[in-house]
PDB file of N, CA and C in Angstrom:
ATOM      1  N   UNK A   1      95.565 -57.517  13.426  1.00  0.00           N
ATOM      2  CA  UNK A   1      96.278 -57.402  14.682  1.00  0.00           C
ATOM      3  C   UNK A   1      96.594 -55.937  14.949  1.00  0.00           C
ATOM      4  N   UNK A   2      96.475 -55.553  16.201  1.00  0.00           N
ATOM      5  CA  UNK A   2      96.850 -54.187  16.550  1.00  0.00           C
ATOM      6  C   UNK A   2      98.346 -54.152  16.862  1.00  0.00           C
ATOM      7  N   UNK A   3      98.921 -52.979  16.727  1.00  0.00           N
ATOM      8  CA  UNK A   3     100.355 -52.826  16.937  1.00  0.00           C
ATOM      9  C   UNK A   3     100.592 -51.888  18.098  1.00  0.00           C
ATOM     10  N   UNK A   4     101.651 -52.124  18.822  1.00  0.00           N
ATOM     11  CA  UNK A   4     102.027 -51.271  19.936  1.00  0.00           C
ATOM     12  C   UNK A   4     103.537 -51.058  19.895  1.00  0.00           C
ATOM     13  N   UNK A   5     103.976 -50.001  20.517  1.00  0.00           N
ATOM     14  CA  UNK A   5     105.403 -49.699  20.536  1.00  0.00           C
ATOM     15  C   UNK A   5     106.093 -50.572  21.571  1.00  0.00           C
ATOM     16  N   UNK A   6     107.155 -51.189  21.185  1.00  0.00           N
ATOM     17  CA  UNK A   6     107.943 -52.032  22.075  1.00  0.00           C
ATOM     18  C   UNK A   6     109.402 -51.655  21.932  1.00  0.00           C
ATOM     19  N   UNK A   7     110.282 -52.507  22.407  1.00  0.00           N
ATOM     20  CA  UNK A   7     111.703 -52.229  22.295  1.00  0.00           C
ATOM     21  C   UNK A   7     112.506 -53.520  22.272  1.00  0.00           C
ATOM     22  N   UNK A   8     113.717 -53.402  21.766  1.00  0.00           N
ATOM     23  CA  UNK A   8     114.668 -54.525  21.754  1.00  0.00           C
ATOM     24  C   UNK A   8     115.841 -54.149  22.649  1.00  0.00           C
ATOM     25  N   UNK A   9     116.230 -55.040  23.499  1.00  0.00           N
ATOM     26  CA  UNK A   9     117.354 -54.848  24.412  1.00  0.00           C
ATOM     27  C   UNK A   9     118.594 -55.404  23.735  1.00  0.00           C
ATOM     28  N   UNK A  10     119.590 -54.568  23.506  1.00  0.00           N
ATOM     29  CA  UNK A  10     120.745 -54.956  22.702  1.00  0.00           C
ATOM     30  C   UNK A  10     122.031 -55.076  23.523  1.00  0.00           C
ATOM     31  N   UNK A  11     121.924 -55.321  24.821  1.00  0.00           N
ATOM     32  CA  UNK A  11     123.106 -55.377  25.682  1.00  0.00           C
ATOM     33  C   UNK A  11     124.063 -56.486  25.259  1.00  0.00           C
ATOM     34  N   UNK A  12     123.552 -57.669  24.993  1.00  0.00           N
ATOM     35  CA  UNK A  12     124.435 -58.779  24.622  1.00  0.00           C
ATOM     36  C   UNK A  12     125.205 -58.460  23.339  1.00  0.00           C
ATOM     37  N   UNK A  13     124.548 -57.868  22.372  1.00  0.00           N
ATOM     38  CA  UNK A  13     125.195 -57.513  21.103  1.00  0.00           C
ATOM     39  C   UNK A  13     126.306 -56.477  21.322  1.00  0.00           C
ATOM     40  N   UNK A  14     126.023 -55.445  22.127  1.00  0.00           N
ATOM     41  CA  UNK A  14     127.037 -54.418  22.383  1.00  0.00           C
ATOM     42  C   UNK A  14     128.205 -54.968  23.193  1.00  0.00           C
ATOM     43  N   UNK A  15     127.911 -55.889  24.112  1.00  0.00           N
ATOM     44  CA  UNK A  15     128.999 -56.525  24.857  1.00  0.00           C
ATOM     45  C   UNK A  15     129.892 -57.320  23.910  1.00  0.00           C
ATOM     46  N   UNK A  16     129.297 -58.047  22.983  1.00  0.00           N
ATOM     47  CA  UNK A  16     130.073 -58.847  22.031  1.00  0.00           C
ATOM     48  C   UNK A  16     130.937 -57.947  21.145  1.00  0.00           C
ATOM     49  N   UNK A  17     130.408 -56.793  20.760  1.00  0.00           N
ATOM     50  CA  UNK A  17     131.201 -55.864  19.950  1.00  0.00           C
ATOM     51  C   UNK A  17     132.410 -55.330  20.713  1.00  0.00           C
ATOM     52  N   UNK A  18     132.310 -55.273  22.050  1.00  0.00           N
ATOM     53  CA  UNK A  18     133.421 -54.822  22.893  1.00  0.00           C
ATOM     54  C   UNK A  18     134.343 -55.967  23.300  1.00  0.00           C
ATOM     55  N   UNK A  19     134.011 -57.192  22.884  1.00  0.00           N
ATOM     56  CA  UNK A  19     134.836 -58.353  23.218  1.00  0.00           C
ATOM     57  C   UNK A  19     134.499 -58.963  24.562  1.00  0.00           C
ATOM     58  N   UNK A  20     133.354 -58.612  25.140  1.00  0.00           N
ATOM     59  CA  UNK A  20     132.920 -59.200  26.415  1.00  0.00           C
ATOM     60  C   UNK A  20     131.909 -60.293  26.115  1.00  0.00           C
ATOM     61  N   UNK A  21     132.252 -61.518  26.461  1.00  0.00           N
ATOM     62  CA  UNK A  21     131.361 -62.631  26.169  1.00  0.00           C
ATOM     63  C   UNK A  21     130.851 -63.321  27.429  1.00  0.00           C
ATOM     64  N   UNK A  22     131.287 -62.861  28.583  1.00  0.00           N
ATOM     65  CA  UNK A  22     130.851 -63.432  29.851  1.00  0.00           C
ATOM     66  C   UNK A  22     130.133 -62.349  30.655  1.00  0.00           C
ATOM     67  N   UNK A  23     129.001 -62.719  31.230  1.00  0.00           N
ATOM     68  CA  UNK A  23     128.245 -61.739  32.011  1.00  0.00           C
ATOM     69  C   UNK A  23     128.969 -61.352  33.293  1.00  0.00           C
ATOM     70  N   UNK A  24     129.833 -62.233  33.787  1.00  0.00           N
ATOM     71  CA  UNK A  24     130.548 -61.923  35.023  1.00  0.00           C
ATOM     72  C   UNK A  24     131.572 -60.812  34.833  1.00  0.00           C
ATOM     73  N   UNK A  25     131.939 -60.500  33.593  1.00  0.00           N
ATOM     74  CA  UNK A  25     132.862 -59.397  33.346  1.00  0.00           C
ATOM     75  C   UNK A  25     132.230 -58.051  33.678  1.00  0.00           C
ATOM     76  N   UNK A  26     130.909 -57.986  33.644  1.00  0.00           N
ATOM     77  CA  UNK A  26     130.216 -56.735  33.922  1.00  0.00           C
ATOM     78  C   UNK A  26     130.152 -56.399  35.408  1.00  0.00           C
ATOM     79  N   UNK A  27     130.167 -57.394  36.279  1.00  0.00           N
ATOM     80  CA  UNK A  27     129.973 -57.173  37.710  1.00  0.00           C
ATOM     81  C   UNK A  27     130.999 -56.201  38.283  1.00  0.00           C
ATOM     82  N   UNK A  28     132.310 -56.415  38.101  1.00  0.00           N
ATOM     83  CA  UNK A  28     133.269 -55.455  38.666  1.00  0.00           C
ATOM     84  C   UNK A  28     133.221 -54.088  37.975  1.00  0.00           C
ATOM     85  N   UNK A  29     132.909 -54.070  36.687  1.00  0.00           N
ATOM     86  CA  UNK A  29     132.824 -52.794  35.971  1.00  0.00           C
ATOM     87  C   UNK A  29     131.650 -51.961  36.472  1.00  0.00           C
ATOM     88  N   UNK A  30     130.555 -52.615  36.776  1.00  0.00           N
ATOM     89  CA  UNK A  30     129.411 -51.907  37.353  1.00  0.00           C
ATOM     90  C   UNK A  30     129.731 -51.451  38.780  1.00  0.00           C
ATOM     91  N   UNK A  31     130.424 -52.286  39.546  1.00  0.00           N
ATOM     92  CA  UNK A  31     130.785 -51.937  40.923  1.00  0.00           C
ATOM     93  C   UNK A  31     131.693 -50.711  40.961  1.00  0.00           C
ATOM     94  N   UNK A  32     132.588 -50.571  39.981  1.00  0.00           N
ATOM     95  CA  UNK A  32     133.453 -49.386  39.907  1.00  0.00           C
ATOM     96  C   UNK A  32     132.630 -48.111  39.752  1.00  0.00           C
ATOM     97  N   UNK A  33     131.456 -48.233  39.192  1.00  0.00           N
ATOM     98  CA  UNK A  33     130.587 -47.073  38.944  1.00  0.00           C
ATOM     99  C   UNK A  33     129.482 -46.953  39.985  1.00  0.00           C
ATOM    100  N   UNK A  34     129.602 -47.700  41.078  1.00  0.00           N
ATOM    101  CA  UNK A  34     128.660 -47.587  42.187  1.00  0.00           C
ATOM    102  C   UNK A  34     127.393 -48.409  42.051  1.00  0.00           C
ATOM    103  N   UNK A  35     127.342 -49.319  41.088  1.00  0.00           N
ATOM    104  CA  UNK A  35     126.172 -50.178  40.888  1.00  0.00           C
ATOM    105  C   UNK A  35     126.502 -51.558  41.440  1.00  0.00           C
ATOM    106  N   UNK A  36     125.800 -51.956  42.498  1.00  0.00           N
ATOM    107  CA  UNK A  36     126.044 -53.251  43.117  1.00  0.00           C
ATOM    108  C   UNK A  36     124.944 -54.218  42.703  1.00  0.00           C
ATOM    109  N   UNK A  37     125.284 -55.115  41.812  1.00  0.00           N
ATOM    110  CA  UNK A  37     124.363 -56.157  41.358  1.00  0.00           C
ATOM    111  C   UNK A  37     125.044 -57.511  41.543  1.00  0.00           C
ATOM    112  N   UNK A  38     124.265 -58.516  41.904  1.00  0.00           N
ATOM    113  CA  UNK A  38     124.824 -59.858  42.043  1.00  0.00           C
ATOM    114  C   UNK A  38     125.089 -60.436  40.658  1.00  0.00           C
ATOM    115  N   UNK A  39     125.845 -61.510  40.630  1.00  0.00           N
ATOM    116  CA  UNK A  39     126.128 -62.151  39.342  1.00  0.00           C
ATOM    117  C   UNK A  39     124.843 -62.679  38.705  1.00  0.00           C
ATOM    118  N   UNK A  40     123.893 -63.118  39.534  1.00  0.00           N
ATOM    119  CA  UNK A  40     122.619 -63.607  39.013  1.00  0.00           C
ATOM    120  C   UNK A  40     121.826 -62.464  38.388  1.00  0.00           C
ATOM    121  N   UNK A  41     121.808 -61.311  39.040  1.00  0.00           N
ATOM    122  CA  UNK A  41     121.092 -60.160  38.496  1.00  0.00           C
ATOM    123  C   UNK A  41     121.691 -59.716  37.167  1.00  0.00           C
ATOM    124  N   UNK A  42     123.013 -59.702  37.089  1.00  0.00           N
ATOM    125  CA  UNK A  42     123.676 -59.313  35.841  1.00  0.00           C
ATOM    126  C   UNK A  42     123.424 -60.374  34.778  1.00  0.00           C
ATOM    127  N   UNK A  43     123.441 -61.643  35.183  1.00  0.00           N
ATOM    128  CA  UNK A  43     123.168 -62.718  34.235  1.00  0.00           C
ATOM    129  C   UNK A  43     121.783 -62.546  33.612  1.00  0.00           C
ATOM    130  N   UNK A  44     120.777 -62.167  34.422  1.00  0.00           N
ATOM    131  CA  UNK A  44     119.425 -61.953  33.906  1.00  0.00           C
ATOM    132  C   UNK A  44     119.342 -60.696  33.055  1.00  0.00           C
ATOM    133  N   UNK A  45     120.122 -59.683  33.413  1.00  0.00           N
ATOM    134  CA  UNK A  45     120.075 -58.402  32.713  1.00  0.00           C
ATOM    135  C   UNK A  45     120.581 -58.507  31.276  1.00  0.00           C
ATOM    136  N   UNK A  46     121.548 -59.357  31.043  1.00  0.00           N
ATOM    137  CA  UNK A  46     122.171 -59.430  29.717  1.00  0.00           C
ATOM    138  C   UNK A  46     121.261 -60.093  28.678  1.00  0.00           C
ATOM    139  N   UNK A  47     120.788 -61.315  28.855  1.00  0.00           N
ATOM    140  CA  UNK A  47     120.005 -61.937  27.776  1.00  0.00           C
ATOM    141  C   UNK A  47     118.525 -61.567  27.762  1.00  0.00           C
ATOM    142  N   UNK A  48     117.977 -61.205  28.927  1.00  0.00           N
ATOM    143  CA  UNK A  48     116.542 -60.944  29.009  1.00  0.00           C
ATOM    144  C   UNK A  48     116.260 -59.449  28.867  1.00  0.00           C
ATOM    145  N   UNK A  49     115.153 -59.127  28.249  1.00  0.00           N
ATOM    146  CA  UNK A  49     114.755 -57.731  28.115  1.00  0.00           C
ATOM    147  C   UNK A  49     114.182 -57.260  29.442  1.00  0.00           C
ATOM    148  N   UNK A  50     114.803 -56.253  30.067  1.00  0.00           N
ATOM    149  CA  UNK A  50     114.302 -55.807  31.370  1.00  0.00           C
ATOM    150  C   UNK A  50     113.021 -54.990  31.224  1.00  0.00           C
ATOM    151  N   UNK A  51     112.101 -55.188  32.148  1.00  0.00           N
ATOM    152  CA  UNK A  51     110.878 -54.397  32.186  1.00  0.00           C
ATOM    153  C   UNK A  51     111.129 -53.081  32.904  1.00  0.00           C
ATOM    154  N   UNK A  52     111.978 -53.118  33.932  1.00  0.00           N
ATOM    155  CA  UNK A  52     112.350 -51.920  34.689  1.00  0.00           C
ATOM    156  C   UNK A  52     113.864 -51.893  34.812  1.00  0.00           C
ATOM    157  N   UNK A  53     114.423 -50.697  34.720  1.00  0.00           N
ATOM    158  CA  UNK A  53     115.864 -50.531  34.827  1.00  0.00           C
ATOM    159  C   UNK A  53     116.132 -49.146  35.378  1.00  0.00           C
ATOM    160  N   UNK A  54     116.956 -49.051  36.415  1.00  0.00           N
ATOM    161  CA  UNK A  54     117.236 -47.735  36.977  1.00  0.00           C
ATOM    162  C   UNK A  54     118.106 -46.935  36.006  1.00  0.00           C
ATOM    163  N   UNK A  55     117.939 -45.632  36.055  1.00  0.00           N
ATOM    164  CA  UNK A  55     118.724 -44.772  35.169  1.00  0.00           C
ATOM    165  C   UNK A  55     120.207 -44.831  35.514  1.00  0.00           C
ATOM    166  N   UNK A  56     120.532 -45.025  36.783  1.00  0.00           N
ATOM    167  CA  UNK A  56     121.949 -45.157  37.176  1.00  0.00           C
ATOM    168  C   UNK A  56     122.577 -46.388  36.521  1.00  0.00           C
ATOM    169  N   UNK A  57     121.836 -47.486  36.513  1.00  0.00           N
ATOM    170  CA  UNK A  57     122.339 -48.708  35.874  1.00  0.00           C
ATOM    171  C   UNK A  57     122.467 -48.508  34.376  1.00  0.00           C
ATOM    172  N   UNK A  58     121.489 -47.871  33.771  1.00  0.00           N
ATOM    173  CA  UNK A  58     121.534 -47.597  32.333  1.00  0.00           C
ATOM    174  C   UNK A  58     122.738 -46.720  31.992  1.00  0.00           C
ATOM    175  N   UNK A  59     122.975 -45.677  32.778  1.00  0.00           N
ATOM    176  CA  UNK A  59     124.109 -44.784  32.523  1.00  0.00           C
ATOM    177  C   UNK A  59     125.443 -45.510  32.730  1.00  0.00           C
ATOM    178  N   UNK A  60     125.508 -46.388  33.736  1.00  0.00           N
ATOM    179  CA  UNK A  60     126.730 -47.160  33.968  1.00  0.00           C
ATOM    180  C   UNK A  60     127.007 -48.092  32.792  1.00  0.00           C
ATOM    181  N   UNK A  61     125.976 -48.744  32.282  1.00  0.00           N
ATOM    182  CA  UNK A  61     126.153 -49.628  31.122  1.00  0.00           C
ATOM    183  C   UNK A  61     126.608 -48.831  29.900  1.00  0.00           C
ATOM    184  N   UNK A  62     126.023 -47.656  29.711  1.00  0.00           N
ATOM    185  CA  UNK A  62     126.430 -46.804  28.586  1.00  0.00           C
ATOM    186  C   UNK A  62     127.884 -46.368  28.729  1.00  0.00           C
ATOM    187  N   UNK A  63     128.308 -46.065  29.962  1.00  0.00           N
ATOM    188  CA  UNK A  63     129.698 -45.661  30.197  1.00  0.00           C
ATOM    189  C   UNK A  63     130.647 -46.835  29.942  1.00  0.00           C
ATOM    190  N   UNK A  64     130.295 -48.013  30.412  1.00  0.00           N
ATOM    191  CA  UNK A  64     131.140 -49.200  30.223  1.00  0.00           C
ATOM    192  C   UNK A  64     131.292 -49.532  28.743  1.00  0.00           C
ATOM    193  N   UNK A  65     130.189 -49.459  28.005  1.00  0.00           N
ATOM    194  CA  UNK A  65     130.200 -49.868  26.599  1.00  0.00           C
ATOM    195  C   UNK A  65     130.452 -48.711  25.633  1.00  0.00           C
ATOM    196  N   UNK A  66     130.653 -47.512  26.177  1.00  0.00           N
ATOM    197  CA  UNK A  66     130.887 -46.310  25.362  1.00  0.00           C
ATOM    198  C   UNK A  66     129.802 -46.158  24.293  1.00  0.00           C
ATOM    199  N   UNK A  67     128.559 -46.169  24.769  1.00  0.00           N
ATOM    200  CA  UNK A  67     127.420 -46.060  23.860  1.00  0.00           C
ATOM    201  C   UNK A  67     126.386 -45.115  24.453  1.00  0.00           C
ATOM    202  N   UNK A  68     125.315 -44.915  23.742  1.00  0.00           N
ATOM    203  CA  UNK A  68     124.209 -44.087  24.219  1.00  0.00           C
ATOM    204  C   UNK A  68     123.045 -44.994  24.585  1.00  0.00           C
ATOM    205  N   UNK A  69     122.069 -44.479  25.337  1.00  0.00           N
ATOM    206  CA  UNK A  69     120.898 -45.306  25.651  1.00  0.00           C
ATOM    207  C   UNK A  69     120.169 -45.795  24.388  1.00  0.00           C
ATOM    208  N   UNK A  70     120.173 -44.989  23.340  1.00  0.00           N
ATOM    209  CA  UNK A  70     119.487 -45.435  22.117  1.00  0.00           C
ATOM    210  C   UNK A  70     120.249 -46.566  21.420  1.00  0.00           C
ATOM    211  N   UNK A  71     121.527 -46.743  21.736  1.00  0.00           N
ATOM    212  CA  UNK A  71     122.253 -47.904  21.215  1.00  0.00           C
ATOM    213  C   UNK A  71     121.836 -49.177  21.955  1.00  0.00           C
ATOM    214  N   UNK A  72     121.563 -49.037  23.257  1.00  0.00           N
ATOM    215  CA  UNK A  72     121.163 -50.186  24.072  1.00  0.00           C
ATOM    216  C   UNK A  72     119.703 -50.567  23.868  1.00  0.00           C
ATOM    217  N   UNK A  73     118.857 -49.553  23.697  1.00  0.00           N
ATOM    218  CA  UNK A  73     117.423 -49.785  23.592  1.00  0.00           C
ATOM    219  C   UNK A  73     116.959 -49.338  22.216  1.00  0.00           C
ATOM    220  N   UNK A  74     116.523 -50.274  21.416  1.00  0.00           N
ATOM    221  CA  UNK A  74     116.058 -49.970  20.064  1.00  0.00           C
ATOM    222  C   UNK A  74     114.535 -50.042  20.027  1.00  0.00           C
ATOM    223  N   UNK A  75     113.911 -48.961  19.582  1.00  0.00           N
ATOM    224  CA  UNK A  75     112.448 -48.946  19.469  1.00  0.00           C
ATOM    225  C   UNK A  75     112.009 -49.902  18.367  1.00  0.00           C
ATOM    226  N   UNK A  76     110.940 -50.617  18.628  1.00  0.00           N
ATOM    227  CA  UNK A  76     110.425 -51.581  17.652  1.00  0.00           C
ATOM    228  C   UNK A  76     108.932 -51.748  17.862  1.00  0.00           C
ATOM    229  N   UNK A  77     108.213 -51.945  16.773  1.00  0.00           N
ATOM    230  CA  UNK A  77     106.782 -52.219  16.874  1.00  0.00           C
ATOM    231  C   UNK A  77     106.588 -53.701  17.134  1.00  0.00           C
ATOM    232  N   UNK A  78     105.585 -54.001  17.931  1.00  0.00           N
ATOM    233  CA  UNK A  78     105.280 -55.394  18.243  1.00  0.00           C
ATOM    234  C   UNK A  78     103.827 -55.673  17.891  1.00  0.00           C
ATOM    235  N   UNK A  79     103.579 -56.869  17.415  1.00  0.00           N
ATOM    236  CA  UNK A  79     102.213 -57.287  17.135  1.00  0.00           C
ATOM    237  C   UNK A  79     101.585 -57.799  18.420  1.00  0.00           C
ATOM    238  N   UNK A  80     100.377 -57.362  18.673  1.00  0.00           N
ATOM    239  CA  UNK A  80      99.620 -57.885  19.799  1.00  0.00           C
ATOM    240  C   UNK A  80      98.665 -58.945  19.280  1.00  0.00           C
ATOM    241  N   UNK A  81      98.640 -60.100  19.906  1.00  0.00           N
ATOM    242  CA  UNK A  81      97.714 -61.133  19.432  1.00  0.00           C
ATOM    243  C   UNK A  81      96.278 -60.703  19.680  1.00  0.00           C
ATOM    244  N   UNK A  82      95.410 -61.104  18.755  1.00  0.00           N
ATOM    245  CA  UNK A  82      93.988 -60.809  18.934  1.00  0.00           C
ATOM    246  C   UNK A  82      93.442 -61.675  20.056  1.00  0.00           C
ATOM    247  N   UNK A  83      92.498 -61.110  20.769  1.00  0.00           N
ATOM    248  CA  UNK A  83      91.858 -61.883  21.815  1.00  0.00           C
ATOM    249  C   UNK A  83      90.911 -62.892  21.190  1.00  0.00           C
ATOM    250  N   UNK A  84      90.904 -64.059  21.746  1.00  0.00           N
ATOM    251  CA  UNK A  84      90.001 -65.096  21.247  1.00  0.00           C
ATOM    252  C   UNK A  84      88.600 -64.818  21.771  1.00  0.00           C
ATOM    253  N   UNK A  85      87.643 -65.005  20.909  1.00  0.00           N
ATOM    254  CA  UNK A  85      86.255 -64.841  21.329  1.00  0.00           C
ATOM    255  C   UNK A  85      85.759 -66.146  21.916  1.00  0.00           C
ATOM    256  N   UNK A  86      85.061 -66.025  23.005  1.00  0.00           N
ATOM    257  CA  UNK A  86      84.512 -67.198  23.667  1.00  0.00           C
ATOM    258  C   UNK A  86      83.105 -67.424  23.126  1.00  0.00           C
ATOM    259  N   UNK A  87      82.846 -68.648  22.701  1.00  0.00           N
ATOM    260  CA  UNK A  87      81.514 -68.980  22.196  1.00  0.00           C
ATOM    261  C   UNK A  87      80.551 -69.025  23.373  1.00  0.00           C
ATOM    262  N   UNK A  88      79.430 -68.334  23.240  1.00  0.00           N
ATOM    263  CA  UNK A  88      78.445 -68.300  24.320  1.00  0.00           C
ATOM    264  C   UNK A  88      77.354 -69.331  24.045  1.00  0.00           C
ATOM    265  N   UNK A  89      76.852 -69.875  25.114  1.00  0.00           N
ATOM    266  CA  UNK A  89      75.735 -70.807  24.991  1.00  0.00           C
ATOM    267  C   UNK A  89      74.486 -70.010  24.643  1.00  0.00           C
ATOM    268  N   UNK A  90      73.678 -70.563  23.762  1.00  0.00           N
ATOM    269  CA  UNK A  90      72.451 -69.872  23.385  1.00  0.00           C
ATOM    270  C   UNK A  90      71.460 -69.942  24.535  1.00  0.00           C
ATOM    271  N   UNK A  91      70.853 -68.822  24.842  1.00  0.00           N
ATOM    272  CA  UNK A  91      69.840 -68.797  25.893  1.00  0.00           C
ATOM    273  C   UNK A  91      68.606 -68.082  25.361  1.00  0.00           C
ATOM    274  N   UNK A  92      67.521 -68.213  26.098  1.00  0.00           N
ATOM    275  CA  UNK A  92      66.279 -67.610  25.645  1.00  0.00           C
ATOM    276  C   UNK A  92      66.341 -66.090  25.730  1.00  0.00           C
ATOM    277  N   UNK A  93      66.955 -65.563  26.769  1.00  0.00           N
ATOM    278  CA  UNK A  93      67.067 -64.109  26.916  1.00  0.00           C
ATOM    279  C   UNK A  93      68.511 -63.693  26.632  1.00  0.00           C
ATOM    280  N   UNK A  94      68.736 -62.666  25.808  1.00  0.00           N
ATOM    281  CA  UNK A  94      70.102 -62.303  25.446  1.00  0.00           C
ATOM    282  C   UNK A  94      70.932 -61.772  26.609  1.00  0.00           C
ATOM    283  N   UNK A  95      70.322 -61.153  27.608  1.00  0.00           N
ATOM    284  CA  UNK A  95      71.073 -60.590  28.729  1.00  0.00           C
ATOM    285  C   UNK A  95      71.024 -61.465  29.973  1.00  0.00           C
ATOM    286  N   UNK A  96      70.560 -62.672  29.836  1.00  0.00           N
ATOM    287  CA  UNK A  96      70.427 -63.579  30.971  1.00  0.00           C
ATOM    288  C   UNK A  96      71.810 -64.029  31.445  1.00  0.00           C
ATOM    289  N   UNK A  97      72.012 -64.009  32.756  1.00  0.00           N
ATOM    290  CA  UNK A  97      73.266 -64.464  33.342  1.00  0.00           C
ATOM    291  C   UNK A  97      73.149 -65.951  33.632  1.00  0.00           C
ATOM    292  N   UNK A  98      74.086 -66.720  33.118  1.00  0.00           N
ATOM    293  CA  UNK A  98      74.076 -68.161  33.336  1.00  0.00           C
ATOM    294  C   UNK A  98      74.795 -68.476  34.633  1.00  0.00           C
ATOM    295  N   UNK A  99      74.137 -69.259  35.484  1.00  0.00           N
ATOM    296  CA  UNK A  99      74.731 -69.646  36.763  1.00  0.00           C
ATOM    297  C   UNK A  99      74.639 -71.160  36.911  1.00  0.00           C
ATOM    298  N   UNK A 100      75.606 -71.754  37.567  1.00  0.00           N
ATOM    299  CA  UNK A 100      75.544 -73.201  37.762  1.00  0.00           C
ATOM    300  C   UNK A 100      74.438 -73.566  38.754  1.00  0.00           C
ATOM    301  N   UNK A 101      73.902 -74.782  38.612  1.00  0.00           N
ATOM    302  CA  UNK A 101      72.874 -75.252  39.539  1.00  0.00           C
ATOM    303  C   UNK A 101      73.555 -75.868  40.752  1.00  0.00           C
ATOM    304  N   UNK A 102      72.966 -75.639  41.904  1.00  0.00           N
ATOM    305  CA  UNK A 102      73.504 -76.173  43.136  1.00  0.00           C
ATOM    306  C   UNK A 102      73.373 -77.704  43.142  1.00  0.00           C
ATOM    307  N   UNK A 103      74.404 -78.377  43.606  1.00  0.00           N
ATOM    308  CA  UNK A 103      74.394 -79.829  43.662  1.00  0.00           C
ATOM    309  C   UNK A 103      73.521 -80.278  44.833  1.00  0.00           C
ATOM    310  N   UNK A 104      72.813 -81.377  44.630  1.00  0.00           N
ATOM    311  CA  UNK A 104      71.976 -81.936  45.678  1.00  0.00           C
ATOM    312  C   UNK A 104      72.600 -83.250  46.126  1.00  0.00           C
ATOM    313  N   UNK A 105      72.937 -83.329  47.403  1.00  0.00           N
ATOM    314  CA  UNK A 105      73.578 -84.536  47.920  1.00  0.00           C
ATOM    315  C   UNK A 105      72.509 -85.376  48.616  1.00  0.00           C
ATOM    316  N   UNK A 106      72.418 -86.619  48.191  1.00  0.00           N
ATOM    317  CA  UNK A 106      71.441 -87.543  48.773  1.00  0.00           C
ATOM    318  C   UNK A 106      72.172 -88.706  49.402  1.00  0.00           C
ATOM    319  N   UNK A 107      71.556 -89.334  50.421  1.00  0.00           N
ATOM    320  CA  UNK A 107      72.221 -90.485  51.039  1.00  0.00           C
ATOM    321  C   UNK A 107      72.321 -91.641  50.042  1.00  0.00           C
ATOM    322  N   UNK A 108      73.350 -92.425  50.201  1.00  0.00           N
ATOM    323  CA  UNK A 108      73.567 -93.561  49.303  1.00  0.00           C
ATOM    324  C   UNK A 108      72.481 -94.596  49.529  1.00  0.00           C
ATOM    325  N   UNK A 109      72.060 -95.242  48.444  1.00  0.00           N
ATOM    326  CA  UNK A 109      71.024 -96.268  48.522  1.00  0.00           C
ATOM    327  C   UNK A 109      71.604 -97.528  49.140  1.00  0.00           C
ATOM    328  N   UNK A 110      70.832 -98.152  50.043  1.00  0.00           N
ATOM    329  CA  UNK A 110      71.286 -99.395  50.684  1.00  0.00           C
ATOM    330  C   UNK A 110      70.830-100.591  49.870  1.00  0.00           C
ATOM    331  N   UNK A 111      71.665-101.626  49.815  1.00  0.00           N
ATOM    332  CA  UNK A 111      71.328-102.840  49.045  1.00  0.00           C
ATOM    333  C   UNK A 111      70.394-103.727  49.770  1.00  0.00           C
TER     334      UNK A 111
END
C-alpha cells in the first residue's frame, strides 16, 4: 500500500478538555469573534474532519480553545487502498478495443 500525508481533526477532544461538550456552545463564541456559522455548520465542524476551513475560523477556534493550529490539526500518515485490477477478456489482438454488438430488433412471430 502506498502512503500519503493526512491529518486528524482534534476539535472535539480540545473542546472536551475545556469542558465544552455541546456544539451549540461554540456558536456564540464564534460570533463574538466575527465568525457567523449556523448551528448545523458548527455541528458538522466538530465531529467531522473538514476538507476546507477558512483561516479566520481556524484562528477563532484557536482563540476560543487557547491552543495553536497544530493542536487542532495533527499530521498523520494514511494508507491508500490499492486499486483493484480488472480482469480483461482474452482477445486475439492485445490492443483490440472491445465494443458491444448492436441489438437487432425483429417483429414478434405470429401464432
